Structure formats: structure tokens, C-alpha cells
Amino acid sequence: ATPSHLRHPTGCVLQGHDFDLPPLA
């Protein structure tokens, strides 16, 4: 649907987002 937004005929959706996050574990 977009470069980081996928759709499947069954209705499933897979998206990706990146965020500005501190490098903590």
C-alpha cells in the first residue's frame, strides 16, 4: 500500500514505523 505498509487478501496488515529512541536496553 506504501513502501512500509503491506496488505494481504485475508485482511492481514503489516506496517513499519521508525521512531527517535534512545539506545537503551
PDBML (XML) file of the C-alpha atoms, coordinates in Angstrom:
<?xml version="1.0" encoding="UTF-8" ?>
<PDBx:datablock datablockName="MODEL"
   xmlns:PDBx="http://pdbml.pdb.org/schema/pdbx-v50.xsd"
   xmlns:xsi="http://www.w3.org/2001/XMLSchema-instance"
   xsi:schemaLocation="http://pdbml.pdb.org/schema/pdbx-v50.xsd pdbx-v50.xsd">
   <PDBx:atom_siteCategory>
      <PDBx:atom_site id="1">
         <PDBx:B_iso_or_equiv>0.00</PDBx:B_iso_or_equiv>
         <PDBx:Cartn_x>0.000</PDBx:Cartn_x>
         <PDBx:Cartn_y>0.000</PDBx:Cartn_y>
         <PDBx:Cartn_z>0.000</PDBx:Cartn_z>
         <PDBx:auth_asym_id>A</PDBx:auth_asym_id>
         <PDBx:auth_atom_id>CA</PDBx:auth_atom_id>
         <PDBx:auth_comp_id>ALA</PDBx:auth_comp_id>
         <PDBx:auth_seq_id>1</PDBx:auth_seq_id>
         <PDBx:group_PDB>ATOM</PDBx:group_PDB>
         <PDBx:label_alt_id xsi:nil="true" />
         <PDBx:label_asym_id>A</PDBx:label_asym_id>
         <PDBx:label_atom_id>CA</PDBx:label_atom_id>
         <PDBx:label_comp_id>ALA</PDBx:label_comp_id>
         <PDBx:label_entity_id>1</PDBx:label_entity_id>
         <PDBx:label_seq_id>1</PDBx:label_seq_id>
         <PDBx:occupancy>1.00</PDBx:occupancy>
         <PDBx:pdbx_PDB_model_num>1</PDBx:pdbx_PDB_model_num>
         <PDBx:type_symbol>C</PDBx:type_symbol>
      </PDBx:atom_site>
      <PDBx:atom_site id="2">
         <PDBx:B_iso_or_equiv>0.00</PDBx:B_iso_or_equiv>
         <PDBx:Cartn_x>3.054</PDBx:Cartn_x>
         <PDBx:Cartn_y>2.184</PDBx:Cartn_y>
         <PDBx:Cartn_z>0.753</PDBx:Cartn_z>
         <PDBx:auth_asym_id>A</PDBx:auth_asym_id>
         <PDBx:auth_atom_id>CA</PDBx:auth_atom_id>
         <PDBx:auth_comp_id>THR</PDBx:auth_comp_id>
         <PDBx:auth_seq_id>2</PDBx:auth_seq_id>
         <PDBx:group_PDB>ATOM</PDBx:group_PDB>
         <PDBx:label_alt_id xsi:nil="true" />
         <PDBx:label_asym_id>A</PDBx:label_asym_id>
         <PDBx:label_atom_id>CA</PDBx:label_atom_id>
         <PDBx:label_comp_id>THR</PDBx:label_comp_id>
         <PDBx:label_entity_id>1</PDBx:label_entity_id>
         <PDBx:label_seq_id>2</PDBx:label_seq_id>
         <PDBx:occupancy>1.00</PDBx:occupancy>
         <PDBx:pdbx_PDB_model_num>1</PDBx:pdbx_PDB_model_num>
         <PDBx:type_symbol>C</PDBx:type_symbol>
      </PDBx:atom_site>
      <PDBx:atom_site id="3">
         <PDBx:B_iso_or_equiv>0.00</PDBx:B_iso_or_equiv>
         <PDBx:Cartn_x>6.743</PDBx:Cartn_x>
         <PDBx:Cartn_y>1.206</PDBx:Cartn_y>
         <PDBx:Cartn_z>0.904</PDBx:Cartn_z>
         <PDBx:auth_asym_id>A</PDBx:auth_asym_id>
         <PDBx:auth_atom_id>CA</PDBx:auth_atom_id>
         <PDBx:auth_comp_id>PRO</PDBx:auth_comp_id>
         <PDBx:auth_seq_id>3</PDBx:auth_seq_id>
         <PDBx:group_PDB>ATOM</PDBx:group_PDB>
         <PDBx:label_alt_id xsi:nil="true" />
         <PDBx:label_asym_id>A</PDBx:label_asym_id>
         <PDBx:label_atom_id>CA</PDBx:label_atom_id>
         <PDBx:label_comp_id>PRO</PDBx:label_comp_id>
         <PDBx:label_entity_id>1</PDBx:label_entity_id>
         <PDBx:label_seq_id>3</PDBx:label_seq_id>
         <PDBx:occupancy>1.00</PDBx:occupancy>
         <PDBx:pdbx_PDB_model_num>1</PDBx:pdbx_PDB_model_num>
         <PDBx:type_symbol>C</PDBx:type_symbol>
      </PDBx:atom_site>
      <PDBx:atom_site id="4">
         <PDBx:B_iso_or_equiv>0.00</PDBx:B_iso_or_equiv>
         <PDBx:Cartn_x>6.313</PDBx:Cartn_x>
         <PDBx:Cartn_y>0.182</PDBx:Cartn_y>
         <PDBx:Cartn_z>4.560</PDBx:Cartn_z>
         <PDBx:auth_asym_id>A</PDBx:auth_asym_id>
         <PDBx:auth_atom_id>CA</PDBx:auth_atom_id>
         <PDBx:auth_comp_id>SER</PDBx:auth_comp_id>
         <PDBx:auth_seq_id>4</PDBx:auth_seq_id>
         <PDBx:group_PDB>ATOM</PDBx:group_PDB>
         <PDBx:label_alt_id xsi:nil="true" />
         <PDBx:label_asym_id>A</PDBx:label_asym_id>
         <PDBx:label_atom_id>CA</PDBx:label_atom_id>
         <PDBx:label_comp_id>SER</PDBx:label_comp_id>
         <PDBx:label_entity_id>1</PDBx:label_entity_id>
         <PDBx:label_seq_id>4</PDBx:label_seq_id>
         <PDBx:occupancy>1.00</PDBx:occupancy>
         <PDBx:pdbx_PDB_model_num>1</PDBx:pdbx_PDB_model_num>
         <PDBx:type_symbol>C</PDBx:type_symbol>
      </PDBx:atom_site>
      <PDBx:atom_site id="5">
         <PDBx:B_iso_or_equiv>0.00</PDBx:B_iso_or_equiv>
         <PDBx:Cartn_x>2.633</PDBx:Cartn_x>
         <PDBx:Cartn_y>-0.800</PDBx:Cartn_y>
         <PDBx:Cartn_z>4.645</PDBx:Cartn_z>
         <PDBx:auth_asym_id>A</PDBx:auth_asym_id>
         <PDBx:auth_atom_id>CA</PDBx:auth_atom_id>
         <PDBx:auth_comp_id>HIS</PDBx:auth_comp_id>
         <PDBx:auth_seq_id>5</PDBx:auth_seq_id>
         <PDBx:group_PDB>ATOM</PDBx:group_PDB>
         <PDBx:label_alt_id xsi:nil="true" />
         <PDBx:label_asym_id>A</PDBx:label_asym_id>
         <PDBx:label_atom_id>CA</PDBx:label_atom_id>
         <PDBx:label_comp_id>HIS</PDBx:label_comp_id>
         <PDBx:label_entity_id>1</PDBx:label_entity_id>
         <PDBx:label_seq_id>5</PDBx:label_seq_id>
         <PDBx:occupancy>1.00</PDBx:occupancy>
         <PDBx:pdbx_PDB_model_num>1</PDBx:pdbx_PDB_model_num>
         <PDBx:type_symbol>C</PDBx:type_symbol>
      </PDBx:atom_site>
      <PDBx:atom_site id="6">
         <PDBx:B_iso_or_equiv>0.00</PDBx:B_iso_or_equiv>
         <PDBx:Cartn_x>1.650</PDBx:Cartn_x>
         <PDBx:Cartn_y>-4.229</PDBx:Cartn_y>
         <PDBx:Cartn_z>3.349</PDBx:Cartn_z>
         <PDBx:auth_asym_id>A</PDBx:auth_asym_id>
         <PDBx:auth_atom_id>CA</PDBx:auth_atom_id>
         <PDBx:auth_comp_id>LEU</PDBx:auth_comp_id>
         <PDBx:auth_seq_id>6</PDBx:auth_seq_id>
         <PDBx:group_PDB>ATOM</PDBx:group_PDB>
         <PDBx:label_alt_id xsi:nil="true" />
         <PDBx:label_asym_id>A</PDBx:label_asym_id>
         <PDBx:label_atom_id>CA</PDBx:label_atom_id>
         <PDBx:label_comp_id>LEU</PDBx:label_comp_id>
         <PDBx:label_entity_id>1</PDBx:label_entity_id>
         <PDBx:label_seq_id>6</PDBx:label_seq_id>
         <PDBx:occupancy>1.00</PDBx:occupancy>
         <PDBx:pdbx_PDB_model_num>1</PDBx:pdbx_PDB_model_num>
         <PDBx:type_symbol>C</PDBx:type_symbol>
      </PDBx:atom_site>
      <PDBx:atom_site id="7">
         <PDBx:B_iso_or_equiv>0.00</PDBx:B_iso_or_equiv>
         <PDBx:Cartn_x>-1.803</PDBx:Cartn_x>
         <PDBx:Cartn_y>-5.757</PDBx:Cartn_y>
         <PDBx:Cartn_z>2.868</PDBx:Cartn_z>
         <PDBx:auth_asym_id>A</PDBx:auth_asym_id>
         <PDBx:auth_atom_id>CA</PDBx:auth_atom_id>
         <PDBx:auth_comp_id>ARG</PDBx:auth_comp_id>
         <PDBx:auth_seq_id>7</PDBx:auth_seq_id>
         <PDBx:group_PDB>ATOM</PDBx:group_PDB>
         <PDBx:label_alt_id xsi:nil="true" />
         <PDBx:label_asym_id>A</PDBx:label_asym_id>
         <PDBx:label_atom_id>CA</PDBx:label_atom_id>
         <PDBx:label_comp_id>ARG</PDBx:label_comp_id>
         <PDBx:label_entity_id>1</PDBx:label_entity_id>
         <PDBx:label_seq_id>7</PDBx:label_seq_id>
         <PDBx:occupancy>1.00</PDBx:occupancy>
         <PDBx:pdbx_PDB_model_num>1</PDBx:pdbx_PDB_model_num>
         <PDBx:type_symbol>C</PDBx:type_symbol>
      </PDBx:atom_site>
      <PDBx:atom_site id="8">
         <PDBx:B_iso_or_equiv>0.00</PDBx:B_iso_or_equiv>
         <PDBx:Cartn_x>-2.849</PDBx:Cartn_x>
         <PDBx:Cartn_y>-9.384</PDBx:Cartn_y>
         <PDBx:Cartn_z>2.399</PDBx:Cartn_z>
         <PDBx:auth_asym_id>A</PDBx:auth_asym_id>
         <PDBx:auth_atom_id>CA</PDBx:auth_atom_id>
         <PDBx:auth_comp_id>HIS</PDBx:auth_comp_id>
         <PDBx:auth_seq_id>8</PDBx:auth_seq_id>
         <PDBx:group_PDB>ATOM</PDBx:group_PDB>
         <PDBx:label_alt_id xsi:nil="true" />
         <PDBx:label_asym_id>A</PDBx:label_asym_id>
         <PDBx:label_atom_id>CA</PDBx:label_atom_id>
         <PDBx:label_comp_id>HIS</PDBx:label_comp_id>
         <PDBx:label_entity_id>1</PDBx:label_entity_id>
         <PDBx:label_seq_id>8</PDBx:label_seq_id>
         <PDBx:occupancy>1.00</PDBx:occupancy>
         <PDBx:pdbx_PDB_model_num>1</PDBx:pdbx_PDB_model_num>
         <PDBx:type_symbol>C</PDBx:type_symbol>
      </PDBx:atom_site>
      <PDBx:atom_site id="9">
         <PDBx:B_iso_or_equiv>0.00</PDBx:B_iso_or_equiv>
         <PDBx:Cartn_x>-6.037</PDBx:Cartn_x>
         <PDBx:Cartn_y>-10.689</PDBx:Cartn_y>
         <PDBx:Cartn_z>0.696</PDBx:Cartn_z>
         <PDBx:auth_asym_id>A</PDBx:auth_asym_id>
         <PDBx:auth_atom_id>CA</PDBx:auth_atom_id>
         <PDBx:auth_comp_id>PRO</PDBx:auth_comp_id>
         <PDBx:auth_seq_id>9</PDBx:auth_seq_id>
         <PDBx:group_PDB>ATOM</PDBx:group_PDB>
         <PDBx:label_alt_id xsi:nil="true" />
         <PDBx:label_asym_id>A</PDBx:label_asym_id>
         <PDBx:label_atom_id>CA</PDBx:label_atom_id>
         <PDBx:label_comp_id>PRO</PDBx:label_comp_id>
         <PDBx:label_entity_id>1</PDBx:label_entity_id>
         <PDBx:label_seq_id>9</PDBx:label_seq_id>
         <PDBx:occupancy>1.00</PDBx:occupancy>
         <PDBx:pdbx_PDB_model_num>1</PDBx:pdbx_PDB_model_num>
         <PDBx:type_symbol>C</PDBx:type_symbol>
      </PDBx:atom_site>
      <PDBx:atom_site id="10">
         <PDBx:B_iso_or_equiv>0.00</PDBx:B_iso_or_equiv>
         <PDBx:Cartn_x>-7.057</PDBx:Cartn_x>
         <PDBx:Cartn_y>-12.277</PDBx:Cartn_y>
         <PDBx:Cartn_z>4.024</PDBx:Cartn_z>
         <PDBx:auth_asym_id>A</PDBx:auth_asym_id>
         <PDBx:auth_atom_id>CA</PDBx:auth_atom_id>
         <PDBx:auth_comp_id>THR</PDBx:auth_comp_id>
         <PDBx:auth_seq_id>10</PDBx:auth_seq_id>
         <PDBx:group_PDB>ATOM</PDBx:group_PDB>
         <PDBx:label_alt_id xsi:nil="true" />
         <PDBx:label_asym_id>A</PDBx:label_asym_id>
         <PDBx:label_atom_id>CA</PDBx:label_atom_id>
         <PDBx:label_comp_id>THR</PDBx:label_comp_id>
         <PDBx:label_entity_id>1</PDBx:label_entity_id>
         <PDBx:label_seq_id>10</PDBx:label_seq_id>
         <PDBx:occupancy>1.00</PDBx:occupancy>
         <PDBx:pdbx_PDB_model_num>1</PDBx:pdbx_PDB_model_num>
         <PDBx:type_symbol>C</PDBx:type_symbol>
      </PDBx:atom_site>
      <PDBx:atom_site id="11">
         <PDBx:B_iso_or_equiv>0.00</PDBx:B_iso_or_equiv>
         <PDBx:Cartn_x>-7.248</PDBx:Cartn_x>
         <PDBx:Cartn_y>-8.803</PDBx:Cartn_y>
         <PDBx:Cartn_z>5.585</PDBx:Cartn_z>
         <PDBx:auth_asym_id>A</PDBx:auth_asym_id>
         <PDBx:auth_atom_id>CA</PDBx:auth_atom_id>
         <PDBx:auth_comp_id>GLY</PDBx:auth_comp_id>
         <PDBx:auth_seq_id>11</PDBx:auth_seq_id>
         <PDBx:group_PDB>ATOM</PDBx:group_PDB>
         <PDBx:label_alt_id xsi:nil="true" />
         <PDBx:label_asym_id>A</PDBx:label_asym_id>
         <PDBx:label_atom_id>CA</PDBx:label_atom_id>
         <PDBx:label_comp_id>GLY</PDBx:label_comp_id>
         <PDBx:label_entity_id>1</PDBx:label_entity_id>
         <PDBx:label_seq_id>11</PDBx:label_seq_id>
         <PDBx:occupancy>1.00</PDBx:occupancy>
         <PDBx:pdbx_PDB_model_num>1</PDBx:pdbx_PDB_model_num>
         <PDBx:type_symbol>C</PDBx:type_symbol>
      </PDBx:atom_site>
      <PDBx:atom_site id="12">
         <PDBx:B_iso_or_equiv>0.00</PDBx:B_iso_or_equiv>
         <PDBx:Cartn_x>-3.957</PDBx:Cartn_x>
         <PDBx:Cartn_y>-9.008</PDBx:Cartn_y>
         <PDBx:Cartn_z>7.472</PDBx:Cartn_z>
         <PDBx:auth_asym_id>A</PDBx:auth_asym_id>
         <PDBx:auth_atom_id>CA</PDBx:auth_atom_id>
         <PDBx:auth_comp_id>CYS</PDBx:auth_comp_id>
         <PDBx:auth_seq_id>12</PDBx:auth_seq_id>
         <PDBx:group_PDB>ATOM</PDBx:group_PDB>
         <PDBx:label_alt_id xsi:nil="true" />
         <PDBx:label_asym_id>A</PDBx:label_asym_id>
         <PDBx:label_atom_id>CA</PDBx:label_atom_id>
         <PDBx:label_comp_id>CYS</PDBx:label_comp_id>
         <PDBx:label_entity_id>1</PDBx:label_entity_id>
         <PDBx:label_seq_id>12</PDBx:label_seq_id>
         <PDBx:occupancy>1.00</PDBx:occupancy>
         <PDBx:pdbx_PDB_model_num>1</PDBx:pdbx_PDB_model_num>
         <PDBx:type_symbol>C</PDBx:type_symbol>
      </PDBx:atom_site>
      <PDBx:atom_site id="13">
         <PDBx:B_iso_or_equiv>0.00</PDBx:B_iso_or_equiv>
         <PDBx:Cartn_x>-1.874</PDBx:Cartn_x>
         <PDBx:Cartn_y>-5.841</PDBx:Cartn_y>
         <PDBx:Cartn_z>7.606</PDBx:Cartn_z>
         <PDBx:auth_asym_id>A</PDBx:auth_asym_id>
         <PDBx:auth_atom_id>CA</PDBx:auth_atom_id>
         <PDBx:auth_comp_id>VAL</PDBx:auth_comp_id>
         <PDBx:auth_seq_id>13</PDBx:auth_seq_id>
         <PDBx:group_PDB>ATOM</PDBx:group_PDB>
         <PDBx:label_alt_id xsi:nil="true" />
         <PDBx:label_asym_id>A</PDBx:label_asym_id>
         <PDBx:label_atom_id>CA</PDBx:label_atom_id>
         <PDBx:label_comp_id>VAL</PDBx:label_comp_id>
         <PDBx:label_entity_id>1</PDBx:label_entity_id>
         <PDBx:label_seq_id>13</PDBx:label_seq_id>
         <PDBx:occupancy>1.00</PDBx:occupancy>
         <PDBx:pdbx_PDB_model_num>1</PDBx:pdbx_PDB_model_num>
         <PDBx:type_symbol>C</PDBx:type_symbol>
      </PDBx:atom_site>
      <PDBx:atom_site id="14">
         <PDBx:B_iso_or_equiv>0.00</PDBx:B_iso_or_equiv>
         <PDBx:Cartn_x>1.845</PDBx:Cartn_x>
         <PDBx:Cartn_y>-5.355</PDBx:Cartn_y>
         <PDBx:Cartn_z>8.275</PDBx:Cartn_z>
         <PDBx:auth_asym_id>A</PDBx:auth_asym_id>
         <PDBx:auth_atom_id>CA</PDBx:auth_atom_id>
         <PDBx:auth_comp_id>LEU</PDBx:auth_comp_id>
         <PDBx:auth_seq_id>14</PDBx:auth_seq_id>
         <PDBx:group_PDB>ATOM</PDBx:group_PDB>
         <PDBx:label_alt_id xsi:nil="true" />
         <PDBx:label_asym_id>A</PDBx:label_asym_id>
         <PDBx:label_atom_id>CA</PDBx:label_atom_id>
         <PDBx:label_comp_id>LEU</PDBx:label_comp_id>
         <PDBx:label_entity_id>1</PDBx:label_entity_id>
         <PDBx:label_seq_id>14</PDBx:label_seq_id>
         <PDBx:occupancy>1.00</PDBx:occupancy>
         <PDBx:pdbx_PDB_model_num>1</PDBx:pdbx_PDB_model_num>
         <PDBx:type_symbol>C</PDBx:type_symbol>
      </PDBx:atom_site>
      <PDBx:atom_site id="15">
         <PDBx:B_iso_or_equiv>0.00</PDBx:B_iso_or_equiv>
         <PDBx:Cartn_x>3.250</PDBx:Cartn_x>
         <PDBx:Cartn_y>-1.887</PDBx:Cartn_y>
         <PDBx:Cartn_z>8.865</PDBx:Cartn_z>
         <PDBx:auth_asym_id>A</PDBx:auth_asym_id>
         <PDBx:auth_atom_id>CA</PDBx:auth_atom_id>
         <PDBx:auth_comp_id>GLN</PDBx:auth_comp_id>
         <PDBx:auth_seq_id>15</PDBx:auth_seq_id>
         <PDBx:group_PDB>ATOM</PDBx:group_PDB>
         <PDBx:label_alt_id xsi:nil="true" />
         <PDBx:label_asym_id>A</PDBx:label_asym_id>
         <PDBx:label_atom_id>CA</PDBx:label_atom_id>
         <PDBx:label_comp_id>GLN</PDBx:label_comp_id>
         <PDBx:label_entity_id>1</PDBx:label_entity_id>
         <PDBx:label_seq_id>15</PDBx:label_seq_id>
         <PDBx:occupancy>1.00</PDBx:occupancy>
         <PDBx:pdbx_PDB_model_num>1</PDBx:pdbx_PDB_model_num>
         <PDBx:type_symbol>C</PDBx:type_symbol>
      </PDBx:atom_site>
      <PDBx:atom_site id="16">
         <PDBx:B_iso_or_equiv>0.00</PDBx:B_iso_or_equiv>
         <PDBx:Cartn_x>6.611</PDBx:Cartn_x>
         <PDBx:Cartn_y>-0.434</PDBx:Cartn_y>
         <PDBx:Cartn_z>9.797</PDBx:Cartn_z>
         <PDBx:auth_asym_id>A</PDBx:auth_asym_id>
         <PDBx:auth_atom_id>CA</PDBx:auth_atom_id>
         <PDBx:auth_comp_id>GLY</PDBx:auth_comp_id>
         <PDBx:auth_seq_id>16</PDBx:auth_seq_id>
         <PDBx:group_PDB>ATOM</PDBx:group_PDB>
         <PDBx:label_alt_id xsi:nil="true" />
         <PDBx:label_asym_id>A</PDBx:label_asym_id>
         <PDBx:label_atom_id>CA</PDBx:label_atom_id>
         <PDBx:label_comp_id>GLY</PDBx:label_comp_id>
         <PDBx:label_entity_id>1</PDBx:label_entity_id>
         <PDBx:label_seq_id>16</PDBx:label_seq_id>
         <PDBx:occupancy>1.00</PDBx:occupancy>
         <PDBx:pdbx_PDB_model_num>1</PDBx:pdbx_PDB_model_num>
         <PDBx:type_symbol>C</PDBx:type_symbol>
      </PDBx:atom_site>
      <PDBx:atom_site id="17">
         <PDBx:B_iso_or_equiv>0.00</PDBx:B_iso_or_equiv>
         <PDBx:Cartn_x>7.441</PDBx:Cartn_x>
         <PDBx:Cartn_y>2.766</PDBx:Cartn_y>
         <PDBx:Cartn_z>11.676</PDBx:Cartn_z>
         <PDBx:auth_asym_id>A</PDBx:auth_asym_id>
         <PDBx:auth_atom_id>CA</PDBx:auth_atom_id>
         <PDBx:auth_comp_id>HIS</PDBx:auth_comp_id>
         <PDBx:auth_seq_id>17</PDBx:auth_seq_id>
         <PDBx:group_PDB>ATOM</PDBx:group_PDB>
         <PDBx:label_alt_id xsi:nil="true" />
         <PDBx:label_asym_id>A</PDBx:label_asym_id>
         <PDBx:label_atom_id>CA</PDBx:label_atom_id>
         <PDBx:label_comp_id>HIS</PDBx:label_comp_id>
         <PDBx:label_entity_id>1</PDBx:label_entity_id>
         <PDBx:label_seq_id>17</PDBx:label_seq_id>
         <PDBx:occupancy>1.00</PDBx:occupancy>
         <PDBx:pdbx_PDB_model_num>1</PDBx:pdbx_PDB_model_num>
         <PDBx:type_symbol>C</PDBx:type_symbol>
      </PDBx:atom_site>
      <PDBx:atom_site id="18">
         <PDBx:B_iso_or_equiv>0.00</PDBx:B_iso_or_equiv>
         <PDBx:Cartn_x>10.689</PDBx:Cartn_x>
         <PDBx:Cartn_y>4.163</PDBx:Cartn_y>
         <PDBx:Cartn_z>12.969</PDBx:Cartn_z>
         <PDBx:auth_asym_id>A</PDBx:auth_asym_id>
         <PDBx:auth_atom_id>CA</PDBx:auth_atom_id>
         <PDBx:auth_comp_id>ASP</PDBx:auth_comp_id>
         <PDBx:auth_seq_id>18</PDBx:auth_seq_id>
         <PDBx:group_PDB>ATOM</PDBx:group_PDB>
         <PDBx:label_alt_id xsi:nil="true" />
         <PDBx:label_asym_id>A</PDBx:label_asym_id>
         <PDBx:label_atom_id>CA</PDBx:label_atom_id>
         <PDBx:label_comp_id>ASP</PDBx:label_comp_id>
         <PDBx:label_entity_id>1</PDBx:label_entity_id>
         <PDBx:label_seq_id>18</PDBx:label_seq_id>
         <PDBx:occupancy>1.00</PDBx:occupancy>
         <PDBx:pdbx_PDB_model_num>1</PDBx:pdbx_PDB_model_num>
         <PDBx:type_symbol>C</PDBx:type_symbol>
      </PDBx:atom_site>
      <PDBx:atom_site id="19">
         <PDBx:B_iso_or_equiv>0.00</PDBx:B_iso_or_equiv>
         <PDBx:Cartn_x>10.980</PDBx:Cartn_x>
         <PDBx:Cartn_y>6.436</PDBx:Cartn_y>
         <PDBx:Cartn_z>15.972</PDBx:Cartn_z>
         <PDBx:auth_asym_id>A</PDBx:auth_asym_id>
         <PDBx:auth_atom_id>CA</PDBx:auth_atom_id>
         <PDBx:auth_comp_id>PHE</PDBx:auth_comp_id>
         <PDBx:auth_seq_id>19</PDBx:auth_seq_id>
         <PDBx:group_PDB>ATOM</PDBx:group_PDB>
         <PDBx:label_alt_id xsi:nil="true" />
         <PDBx:label_asym_id>A</PDBx:label_asym_id>
         <PDBx:label_atom_id>CA</PDBx:label_atom_id>
         <PDBx:label_comp_id>PHE</PDBx:label_comp_id>
         <PDBx:label_entity_id>1</PDBx:label_entity_id>
         <PDBx:label_seq_id>19</PDBx:label_seq_id>
         <PDBx:occupancy>1.00</PDBx:occupancy>
         <PDBx:pdbx_PDB_model_num>1</PDBx:pdbx_PDB_model_num>
         <PDBx:type_symbol>C</PDBx:type_symbol>
      </PDBx:atom_site>
      <PDBx:atom_site id="20">
         <PDBx:B_iso_or_equiv>0.00</PDBx:B_iso_or_equiv>
         <PDBx:Cartn_x>13.665</PDBx:Cartn_x>
         <PDBx:Cartn_y>8.574</PDBx:Cartn_y>
         <PDBx:Cartn_z>17.548</PDBx:Cartn_z>
         <PDBx:auth_asym_id>A</PDBx:auth_asym_id>
         <PDBx:auth_atom_id>CA</PDBx:auth_atom_id>
         <PDBx:auth_comp_id>ASP</PDBx:auth_comp_id>
         <PDBx:auth_seq_id>20</PDBx:auth_seq_id>
         <PDBx:group_PDB>ATOM</PDBx:group_PDB>
         <PDBx:label_alt_id xsi:nil="true" />
         <PDBx:label_asym_id>A</PDBx:label_asym_id>
         <PDBx:label_atom_id>CA</PDBx:label_atom_id>
         <PDBx:label_comp_id>ASP</PDBx:label_comp_id>
         <PDBx:label_entity_id>1</PDBx:label_entity_id>
         <PDBx:label_seq_id>20</PDBx:label_seq_id>
         <PDBx:occupancy>1.00</PDBx:occupancy>
         <PDBx:pdbx_PDB_model_num>1</PDBx:pdbx_PDB_model_num>
         <PDBx:type_symbol>C</PDBx:type_symbol>
      </PDBx:atom_site>
      <PDBx:atom_site id="21">
         <PDBx:B_iso_or_equiv>0.00</PDBx:B_iso_or_equiv>
         <PDBx:Cartn_x>14.500</PDBx:Cartn_x>
         <PDBx:Cartn_y>6.342</PDBx:Cartn_y>
         <PDBx:Cartn_z>20.507</PDBx:Cartn_z>
         <PDBx:auth_asym_id>A</PDBx:auth_asym_id>
         <PDBx:auth_atom_id>CA</PDBx:auth_atom_id>
         <PDBx:auth_comp_id>LEU</PDBx:auth_comp_id>
         <PDBx:auth_seq_id>21</PDBx:auth_seq_id>
         <PDBx:group_PDB>ATOM</PDBx:group_PDB>
         <PDBx:label_alt_id xsi:nil="true" />
         <PDBx:label_asym_id>A</PDBx:label_asym_id>
         <PDBx:label_atom_id>CA</PDBx:label_atom_id>
         <PDBx:label_comp_id>LEU</PDBx:label_comp_id>
         <PDBx:label_entity_id>1</PDBx:label_entity_id>
         <PDBx:label_seq_id>21</PDBx:label_seq_id>
         <PDBx:occupancy>1.00</PDBx:occupancy>
         <PDBx:pdbx_PDB_model_num>1</PDBx:pdbx_PDB_model_num>
         <PDBx:type_symbol>C</PDBx:type_symbol>
      </PDBx:atom_site>
      <PDBx:atom_site id="22">
         <PDBx:B_iso_or_equiv>0.00</PDBx:B_iso_or_equiv>
         <PDBx:Cartn_x>17.443</PDBx:Cartn_x>
         <PDBx:Cartn_y>6.411</PDBx:Cartn_y>
         <PDBx:Cartn_z>22.937</PDBx:Cartn_z>
         <PDBx:auth_asym_id>A</PDBx:auth_asym_id>
         <PDBx:auth_atom_id>CA</PDBx:auth_atom_id>
         <PDBx:auth_comp_id>PRO</PDBx:auth_comp_id>
         <PDBx:auth_seq_id>22</PDBx:auth_seq_id>
         <PDBx:group_PDB>ATOM</PDBx:group_PDB>
         <PDBx:label_alt_id xsi:nil="true" />
         <PDBx:label_asym_id>A</PDBx:label_asym_id>
         <PDBx:label_atom_id>CA</PDBx:label_atom_id>
         <PDBx:label_comp_id>PRO</PDBx:label_comp_id>
         <PDBx:label_entity_id>1</PDBx:label_entity_id>
         <PDBx:label_seq_id>22</PDBx:label_seq_id>
         <PDBx:occupancy>1.00</PDBx:occupancy>
         <PDBx:pdbx_PDB_model_num>1</PDBx:pdbx_PDB_model_num>
         <PDBx:type_symbol>C</PDBx:type_symbol>
      </PDBx:atom_site>
      <PDBx:atom_site id="23">
         <PDBx:B_iso_or_equiv>0.00</PDBx:B_iso_or_equiv>
         <PDBx:Cartn_x>19.798</PDBx:Cartn_x>
         <PDBx:Cartn_y>3.389</PDBx:Cartn_y>
         <PDBx:Cartn_z>22.709</PDBx:Cartn_z>
         <PDBx:auth_asym_id>A</PDBx:auth_asym_id>
         <PDBx:auth_atom_id>CA</PDBx:auth_atom_id>
         <PDBx:auth_comp_id>PRO</PDBx:auth_comp_id>
         <PDBx:auth_seq_id>23</PDBx:auth_seq_id>
         <PDBx:group_PDB>ATOM</PDBx:group_PDB>
         <PDBx:label_alt_id xsi:nil="true" />
         <PDBx:label_asym_id>A</PDBx:label_asym_id>
         <PDBx:label_atom_id>CA</PDBx:label_atom_id>
         <PDBx:label_comp_id>PRO</PDBx:label_comp_id>
         <PDBx:label_entity_id>1</PDBx:label_entity_id>
         <PDBx:label_seq_id>23</PDBx:label_seq_id>
         <PDBx:occupancy>1.00</PDBx:occupancy>
         <PDBx:pdbx_PDB_model_num>1</PDBx:pdbx_PDB_model_num>
         <PDBx:type_symbol>C</PDBx:type_symbol>
      </PDBx:atom_site>
      <PDBx:atom_site id="24">
         <PDBx:B_iso_or_equiv>0.00</PDBx:B_iso_or_equiv>
         <PDBx:Cartn_x>18.790</PDBx:Cartn_x>
         <PDBx:Cartn_y>1.703</PDBx:Cartn_y>
         <PDBx:Cartn_z>25.959</PDBx:Cartn_z>
         <PDBx:auth_asym_id>A</PDBx:auth_asym_id>
         <PDBx:auth_atom_id>CA</PDBx:auth_atom_id>
         <PDBx:auth_comp_id>LEU</PDBx:auth_comp_id>
         <PDBx:auth_seq_id>24</PDBx:auth_seq_id>
         <PDBx:group_PDB>ATOM</PDBx:group_PDB>
         <PDBx:label_alt_id xsi:nil="true" />
         <PDBx:label_asym_id>A</PDBx:label_asym_id>
         <PDBx:label_atom_id>CA</PDBx:label_atom_id>
         <PDBx:label_comp_id>LEU</PDBx:label_comp_id>
         <PDBx:label_entity_id>1</PDBx:label_entity_id>
         <PDBx:label_seq_id>24</PDBx:label_seq_id>
         <PDBx:occupancy>1.00</PDBx:occupancy>
         <PDBx:pdbx_PDB_model_num>1</PDBx:pdbx_PDB_model_num>
         <PDBx:type_symbol>C</PDBx:type_symbol>
      </PDBx:atom_site>
      <PDBx:atom_site id="25">
         <PDBx:B_iso_or_equiv>0.00</PDBx:B_iso_or_equiv>
         <PDBx:Cartn_x>18.422</PDBx:Cartn_x>
         <PDBx:Cartn_y>-1.961</PDBx:Cartn_y>
         <PDBx:Cartn_z>26.905</PDBx:Cartn_z>
         <PDBx:auth_asym_id>A</PDBx:auth_asym_id>
         <PDBx:auth_atom_id>CA</PDBx:auth_atom_id>
         <PDBx:auth_comp_id>ALA</PDBx:auth_comp_id>
         <PDBx:auth_seq_id>25</PDBx:auth_seq_id>
         <PDBx:group_PDB>ATOM</PDBx:group_PDB>
         <PDBx:label_alt_id xsi:nil="true" />
         <PDBx:label_asym_id>A</PDBx:label_asym_id>
         <PDBx:label_atom_id>CA</PDBx:label_atom_id>
         <PDBx:label_comp_id>ALA</PDBx:label_comp_id>
         <PDBx:label_entity_id>1</PDBx:label_entity_id>
         <PDBx:label_seq_id>25</PDBx:label_seq_id>
         <PDBx:occupancy>1.00</PDBx:occupancy>
         <PDBx:pdbx_PDB_model_num>1</PDBx:pdbx_PDB_model_num>
         <PDBx:type_symbol>C</PDBx:type_symbol>
      </PDBx:atom_site>
   </PDBx:atom_siteCategory>
</PDBx:datablock>
